[in-house]
Protein backbone atom coordinates (compact mmCIF):
# COMPACT_ATOMS: atom_id res chain seq x y z
CA MET A 1 -19.58 103.53 -49.04
CA SER A 2 -18.30 106.96 -48.51
CA TYR A 3 -14.67 106.06 -49.59
CA THR A 4 -16.09 104.55 -52.67
CA ASN A 5 -18.03 107.51 -53.66
CA ILE A 6 -14.96 109.73 -53.10
CA ILE A 7 -12.98 107.60 -55.48
CA THR A 8 -15.81 107.25 -58.06
CA GLU A 9 -16.57 111.09 -58.00
CA PHE A 10 -13.36 111.72 -60.13
CA LYS A 11 -15.21 109.96 -62.91
CA LYS A 12 -18.72 111.73 -62.11
CA VAL A 13 -20.10 108.46 -60.90
CA ARG A 14 -22.08 107.96 -57.51
CA LEU A 15 -23.49 104.99 -56.09
CA ILE A 16 -26.67 106.18 -54.41
CA LYS A 17 -29.09 103.67 -55.63
CA LEU A 18 -29.92 100.76 -53.00
CA TRP A 19 -29.16 98.00 -55.66
CA GLN A 20 -25.83 99.58 -56.56
CA ILE A 21 -24.90 99.83 -52.87
CA GLU A 22 -26.02 96.29 -52.01
CA LEU A 23 -24.33 94.73 -55.08
CA LEU A 24 -21.06 96.42 -54.38
CA LEU A 25 -21.13 95.29 -50.76
CA LEU A 26 -22.43 91.86 -51.57
CA GLY A 27 -19.22 91.57 -53.90
CA CYS A 28 -16.93 92.96 -51.29
CA GLY A 29 -18.39 90.78 -48.57
CA PHE A 30 -17.98 87.53 -50.76
CA PHE A 31 -14.44 88.53 -51.44
CA TRP A 32 -13.37 89.41 -47.97
CA GLU A 33 -15.29 86.41 -46.34
CA TYR A 34 -14.48 83.72 -48.87
CA ILE A 35 -11.74 84.54 -51.22
CA THR A 36 -9.33 86.24 -48.64
CA PRO A 37 -9.25 83.29 -46.29
CA LEU A 38 -7.85 81.24 -49.02
CA PHE A 39 -4.74 83.32 -49.11
CA ARG A 40 -4.59 84.37 -45.43
CA LYS A 41 -4.76 81.40 -43.17
CA GLU A 42 -5.23 83.37 -39.81
CA THR A 43 -8.72 84.66 -41.14
CA VAL A 44 -12.15 82.96 -41.06
CA SER A 45 -15.20 83.07 -43.04
CA ASP A 46 -18.43 84.27 -41.51
CA MET A 47 -21.80 84.28 -43.36
CA TRP A 48 -23.16 86.98 -40.74
CA ASP A 49 -20.46 89.54 -41.67
CA ILE A 50 -21.81 89.55 -45.15
CA ALA A 51 -25.25 90.24 -43.60
CA ALA A 52 -23.76 93.08 -41.58
CA TYR A 53 -22.24 94.56 -44.66
CA MET A 54 -25.59 94.58 -46.36
CA LEU A 55 -27.27 96.17 -43.38
CA GLY A 56 -24.55 98.63 -43.29
CA GLY A 57 -25.38 99.40 -46.98
CA VAL A 58 -29.05 99.86 -46.18
CA ILE A 59 -28.34 102.28 -43.41
CA TYR A 60 -25.89 104.13 -45.50
CA TRP A 61 -28.58 104.49 -48.25
CA ALA A 62 -31.14 105.57 -45.71
CA VAL A 63 -28.97 108.19 -44.05
CA ASN A 64 -27.76 109.54 -47.62
CA LYS A 65 -31.71 109.87 -48.54
CA VAL A 66 -32.48 111.95 -45.37
CA TYR A 67 -29.47 113.98 -45.97
CA GLU A 68 -30.49 114.76 -49.50
CA LYS A 69 -33.99 115.50 -48.44
CA VAL A 70 -32.66 117.96 -45.74
CA ALA A 71 -30.22 119.52 -48.22
CA ASN A 72 -32.84 120.08 -50.81
CA THR A 73 -35.39 121.94 -48.51
CA LYS A 74 -32.89 124.62 -47.80
């Protein structure tokens, strides 16, 4: 997510809403877990990896919220 925000910052777009983060990670997770194995035979699909991506998105969102709150109080 941090890398994505660095790239999208050039267009003045930031993914900071939870639904935006989760939608992006769901799409990425689906691609990496179900589309990529169609082309790379040494990879396997794992539904729990998508859940881990989604949990990581929630953690990223929460940390970002705390950071914004601390930054705004200074």
